[in-house]
Amino acid sequence: MQLLYLALALFLLLNLGAGMWRVLRGPTAADRMLAAQLFGTTAVAILLLLAQANTNAALRDVALVFALLAAMTAVAFVRRAWPNQEANHKPK
């Protein structure tokens, strides 16, 4: 079973190559941000697989921190890329 976990982690690492291509070639900032979210999600999955394969509980904690950082990054991007539209409207 440990070999399966390691093989899946390797597959996910190869998946990051496709994400890197999207970051480099993405036509918009939103495409690049979604690829960065892919990196965060894949990193969490890889860490969870390695934690299970090596029975290392500390890797689960690191995966949790990465998941929280990925969520905060997405929120920061949305707030910066699309500013509050209501502030620009004047009441009639």
Protein backbone atom coordinates (compact mmCIF):
# COMPACT_ATOMS: atom_id res chain seq x y z
CA MET A 1 0.00 0.00 0.00
CA GLN A 2 2.92 2.32 0.70
CA LEU A 3 4.07 1.94 -2.90
CA LEU A 4 0.62 3.01 -4.13
CA TYR A 5 0.75 6.17 -2.01
CA LEU A 6 4.18 7.03 -3.35
CA ALA A 7 3.09 6.37 -6.94
CA LEU A 8 0.09 8.66 -6.48
CA ALA A 9 2.33 11.35 -5.03
CA LEU A 10 4.60 11.06 -8.07
CA PHE A 11 1.58 11.36 -10.39
CA LEU A 12 0.51 14.53 -8.57
CA LEU A 13 4.00 15.96 -8.95
CA LEU A 14 3.73 15.39 -12.70
CA ASN A 15 0.36 17.12 -12.59
CA LEU A 16 2.13 20.22 -11.29
CA GLY A 17 3.97 20.39 -14.62
CA ALA A 18 0.66 20.99 -16.37
CA GLY A 19 -0.11 23.69 -13.84
CA MET A 20 3.24 25.34 -14.43
CA TRP A 21 2.48 25.46 -18.15
CA ARG A 22 -0.80 27.27 -17.36
CA VAL A 23 0.99 29.77 -15.13
CA LEU A 24 3.47 30.58 -17.87
CA ARG A 25 0.96 30.64 -20.74
CA GLY A 26 -2.22 31.74 -18.97
CA PRO A 27 -3.85 34.57 -20.88
CA THR A 28 -5.38 36.22 -17.82
CA ALA A 29 -4.50 36.76 -14.20
CA ALA A 30 -7.47 34.59 -13.20
CA ASP A 31 -6.01 31.64 -15.14
CA ARG A 32 -2.72 32.10 -13.35
CA MET A 33 -4.45 32.29 -9.98
CA LEU A 34 -6.38 29.09 -10.64
CA ALA A 35 -3.11 27.38 -11.51
CA ALA A 36 -1.63 28.65 -8.24
CA GLN A 37 -4.65 27.19 -6.44
CA LEU A 38 -3.90 23.92 -8.22
CA PHE A 39 -0.39 24.06 -6.74
CA GLY A 40 -1.78 24.54 -3.25
CA THR A 41 -4.34 21.76 -3.56
CA THR A 42 -1.83 19.37 -5.08
CA ALA A 43 0.71 20.16 -2.38
CA VAL A 44 -1.87 19.34 0.27
CA ALA A 45 -2.73 16.06 -1.46
CA ILE A 46 0.94 15.10 -1.82
CA LEU A 47 1.64 15.86 1.82
CA LEU A 48 -1.34 13.81 2.95
CA LEU A 49 -0.23 10.88 0.80
CA LEU A 50 3.31 11.09 2.16
CA ALA A 51 1.98 11.35 5.71
CA GLN A 52 -0.02 8.18 5.19
CA ALA A 53 2.83 6.34 3.47
CA ASN A 54 5.40 7.22 6.13
CA THR A 55 3.00 7.33 9.12
CA ASN A 56 4.21 10.85 9.89
CA ALA A 57 1.49 12.91 11.57
CA ALA A 58 3.50 16.15 11.32
CA LEU A 59 3.00 16.18 7.55
CA ARG A 60 -0.75 16.36 8.12
CA ASP A 61 -0.25 19.54 10.12
CA VAL A 62 1.86 21.03 7.33
CA ALA A 63 -0.86 20.09 4.82
CA LEU A 64 -3.42 21.90 6.96
CA VAL A 65 -1.27 25.03 6.99
CA PHE A 66 -0.89 24.86 3.20
CA ALA A 67 -4.66 24.52 2.80
CA LEU A 68 -5.23 27.60 4.95
CA LEU A 69 -2.61 29.58 3.04
CA ALA A 70 -4.14 28.61 -0.29
CA ALA A 71 -7.56 29.80 0.86
CA MET A 72 -6.16 33.09 2.11
CA THR A 73 -4.28 33.60 -1.15
CA ALA A 74 -7.47 33.14 -3.16
CA VAL A 75 -9.34 35.64 -1.00
CA ALA A 76 -6.55 38.18 -1.28
CA PHE A 77 -6.43 37.79 -5.05
CA VAL A 78 -10.18 38.28 -5.46
CA ARG A 79 -10.20 41.34 -3.23
CA ARG A 80 -7.31 42.89 -5.13
CA ALA A 81 -8.30 41.91 -8.67
CA TRP A 82 -11.96 42.87 -8.36
CA PRO A 83 -12.32 45.84 -6.03
CA ASN A 84 -15.60 46.57 -4.33
CA GLN A 85 -18.04 47.61 -7.04
CA GLU A 86 -20.56 49.05 -4.57
CA ALA A 87 -18.20 51.83 -3.51
CA ASN A 88 -18.21 53.23 -7.06
CA HIS A 89 -22.02 53.43 -7.38
CA LYS A 90 -23.85 56.58 -6.40
CA PRO A 91 -27.30 56.23 -4.85
CA LYS A 92 -30.07 57.67 -7.01
